[in-house]
């Protein structure tokens, strides 16, 4: 699979489809987006926290049935929320 650079965005180490954009105004610097190809992506939204962006990405993936959803992602998110 070809890697495509995304200007200004730092990929999350924890979540697929989540990026940090230091050039966005605070507080909503976390970006959720679903990559379709190098030239196409769906901007899901900007969020205050990494976890909010991950949840939005997960909801989008479920709604539009993309095949790159991680199994048991909801269980992982619920477990993480309980630890916070």
C-alpha atoms as a PDB file:
ATOM      1  CA  UNK A   1       0.000   0.000   0.000  1.00  0.00           C
ATOM      2  CA  UNK A   2       1.352   3.413  -0.949  1.00  0.00           C
ATOM      3  CA  UNK A   3       1.943   5.885   1.892  1.00  0.00           C
ATOM      4  CA  UNK A   4       0.761   9.430   1.225  1.00  0.00           C
ATOM      5  CA  UNK A   5       2.200  12.330   3.196  1.00  0.00           C
ATOM      6  CA  UNK A   6      -0.309  14.577   4.934  1.00  0.00           C
ATOM      7  CA  UNK A   7       1.009  18.114   5.408  1.00  0.00           C
ATOM      8  CA  UNK A   8       0.858  19.541   8.956  1.00  0.00           C
ATOM      9  CA  UNK A   9      -0.674  16.370  10.406  1.00  0.00           C
ATOM     10  CA  UNK A  10       0.988  14.043  12.911  1.00  0.00           C
ATOM     11  CA  UNK A  11      -0.590  10.578  12.964  1.00  0.00           C
ATOM     12  CA  UNK A  12      -1.853   9.328  16.305  1.00  0.00           C
ATOM     13  CA  UNK A  13       0.198   6.528  17.814  1.00  0.00           C
ATOM     14  CA  UNK A  14      -2.944   5.047  19.377  1.00  0.00           C
ATOM     15  CA  UNK A  15      -5.757   5.320  16.825  1.00  0.00           C
ATOM     16  CA  UNK A  16      -6.246   4.680  13.138  1.00  0.00           C
ATOM     17  CA  UNK A  17      -7.656   7.676  11.231  1.00  0.00           C
ATOM     18  CA  UNK A  18      -6.703  10.222  13.913  1.00  0.00           C
ATOM     19  CA  UNK A  19      -4.185  13.029  13.412  1.00  0.00           C
ATOM     20  CA  UNK A  20      -2.921  16.050  15.348  1.00  0.00           C
ATOM     21  CA  UNK A  21      -2.707  19.380  13.487  1.00  0.00           C
ATOM     22  CA  UNK A  22      -0.633  21.957  15.357  1.00  0.00           C
ATOM     23  CA  UNK A  23      -1.656  24.678  12.893  1.00  0.00           C
ATOM     24  CA  UNK A  24      -5.358  24.514  13.782  1.00  0.00           C
ATOM     25  CA  UNK A  25      -6.647  26.966  16.397  1.00  0.00           C
ATOM     26  CA  UNK A  26      -7.017  25.518  19.871  1.00  0.00           C
ATOM     27  CA  UNK A  27      -8.782  23.623  21.316  1.00  0.00           C
ATOM     28  CA  UNK A  28      -9.856  21.480  18.337  1.00  0.00           C
ATOM     29  CA  UNK A  29      -6.545  20.260  16.971  1.00  0.00           C
ATOM     30  CA  UNK A  30      -7.360  16.548  16.738  1.00  0.00           C
ATOM     31  CA  UNK A  31      -8.581  15.594  13.255  1.00  0.00           C
ATOM     32  CA  UNK A  32     -10.492  12.462  12.275  1.00  0.00           C
ATOM     33  CA  UNK A  33     -10.418  11.469   8.631  1.00  0.00           C
ATOM     34  CA  UNK A  34     -10.930   8.329   6.601  1.00  0.00           C
ATOM     35  CA  UNK A  35      -8.481   7.893   3.745  1.00  0.00           C
ATOM     36  CA  UNK A  36      -9.988   6.445   0.593  1.00  0.00           C
ATOM     37  CA  UNK A  37      -6.847   6.818  -1.544  1.00  0.00           C
ATOM     38  CA  UNK A  38      -3.895   9.197  -1.790  1.00  0.00           C
ATOM     39  CA  UNK A  39      -6.042  11.811  -3.476  1.00  0.00           C
ATOM     40  CA  UNK A  40      -9.344  11.241  -1.644  1.00  0.00           C
ATOM     41  CA  UNK A  41     -10.332  11.299   1.988  1.00  0.00           C
ATOM     42  CA  UNK A  42     -13.393  12.028   4.096  1.00  0.00           C
ATOM     43  CA  UNK A  43     -12.879  14.772   6.666  1.00  0.00           C
ATOM     44  CA  UNK A  44     -14.928  13.606   9.642  1.00  0.00           C
ATOM     45  CA  UNK A  45     -14.248  16.554  11.925  1.00  0.00           C
ATOM     46  CA  UNK A  46     -12.001  18.390  14.371  1.00  0.00           C
ATOM     47  CA  UNK A  47     -12.048  17.472  18.051  1.00  0.00           C
ATOM     48  CA  UNK A  48     -10.654  18.601  21.389  1.00  0.00           C
ATOM     49  CA  UNK A  49      -9.301  15.189  22.369  1.00  0.00           C
ATOM     50  CA  UNK A  50      -7.683  12.256  20.652  1.00  0.00           C
ATOM     51  CA  UNK A  51     -10.326   9.907  22.075  1.00  0.00           C
ATOM     52  CA  UNK A  52     -13.218  12.022  20.708  1.00  0.00           C
ATOM     53  CA  UNK A  53     -11.607  11.912  17.264  1.00  0.00           C
ATOM     54  CA  UNK A  54     -11.162   8.126  17.524  1.00  0.00           C
ATOM     55  CA  UNK A  55     -14.823   7.633  18.448  1.00  0.00           C
ATOM     56  CA  UNK A  56     -15.954   9.826  15.539  1.00  0.00           C
ATOM     57  CA  UNK A  57     -13.732   7.854  13.170  1.00  0.00           C
ATOM     58  CA  UNK A  58     -15.149   4.585  14.481  1.00  0.00           C
ATOM     59  CA  UNK A  59     -18.749   5.803  14.063  1.00  0.00           C
ATOM     60  CA  UNK A  60     -18.000   6.925  10.503  1.00  0.00           C
ATOM     61  CA  UNK A  61     -16.380   3.616   9.603  1.00  0.00           C
ATOM     62  CA  UNK A  62     -19.345   1.667  10.998  1.00  0.00           C
ATOM     63  CA  UNK A  63     -21.887   3.884   9.227  1.00  0.00           C
ATOM     64  CA  UNK A  64     -20.231   3.679   5.816  1.00  0.00           C
ATOM     65  CA  UNK A  65     -18.987   0.102   6.272  1.00  0.00           C
ATOM     66  CA  UNK A  66     -15.332   0.607   5.391  1.00  0.00           C
ATOM     67  CA  UNK A  67     -13.384  -2.586   5.638  1.00  0.00           C
ATOM     68  CA  UNK A  68     -10.483  -1.214   7.671  1.00  0.00           C
ATOM     69  CA  UNK A  69     -12.349  -1.087  10.983  1.00  0.00           C
ATOM     70  CA  UNK A  70     -10.504  -2.776  13.794  1.00  0.00           C
ATOM     71  CA  UNK A  71     -12.384  -5.674  15.415  1.00  0.00           C
ATOM     72  CA  UNK A  72     -13.539  -5.073  18.966  1.00  0.00           C
ATOM     73  CA  UNK A  73     -12.739  -1.336  18.721  1.00  0.00           C
ATOM     74  CA  UNK A  74     -15.739  -0.424  20.904  1.00  0.00           C
ATOM     75  CA  UNK A  75     -14.564  -2.777  23.634  1.00  0.00           C
ATOM     76  CA  UNK A  76     -11.129  -1.160  23.583  1.00  0.00           C
ATOM     77  CA  UNK A  77     -12.620   2.352  23.755  1.00  0.00           C
ATOM     78  CA  UNK A  78     -14.949   1.389  26.593  1.00  0.00           C
ATOM     79  CA  UNK A  79     -12.074  -0.158  28.499  1.00  0.00           C
ATOM     80  CA  UNK A  80      -9.969   2.980  28.025  1.00  0.00           C
ATOM     81  CA  UNK A  81     -12.806   5.255  29.173  1.00  0.00           C
ATOM     82  CA  UNK A  82     -13.227   3.219  32.346  1.00  0.00           C
ATOM     83  CA  UNK A  83      -9.533   3.652  33.162  1.00  0.00           C
ATOM     84  CA  UNK A  84      -9.641   7.459  32.836  1.00  0.00           C
END
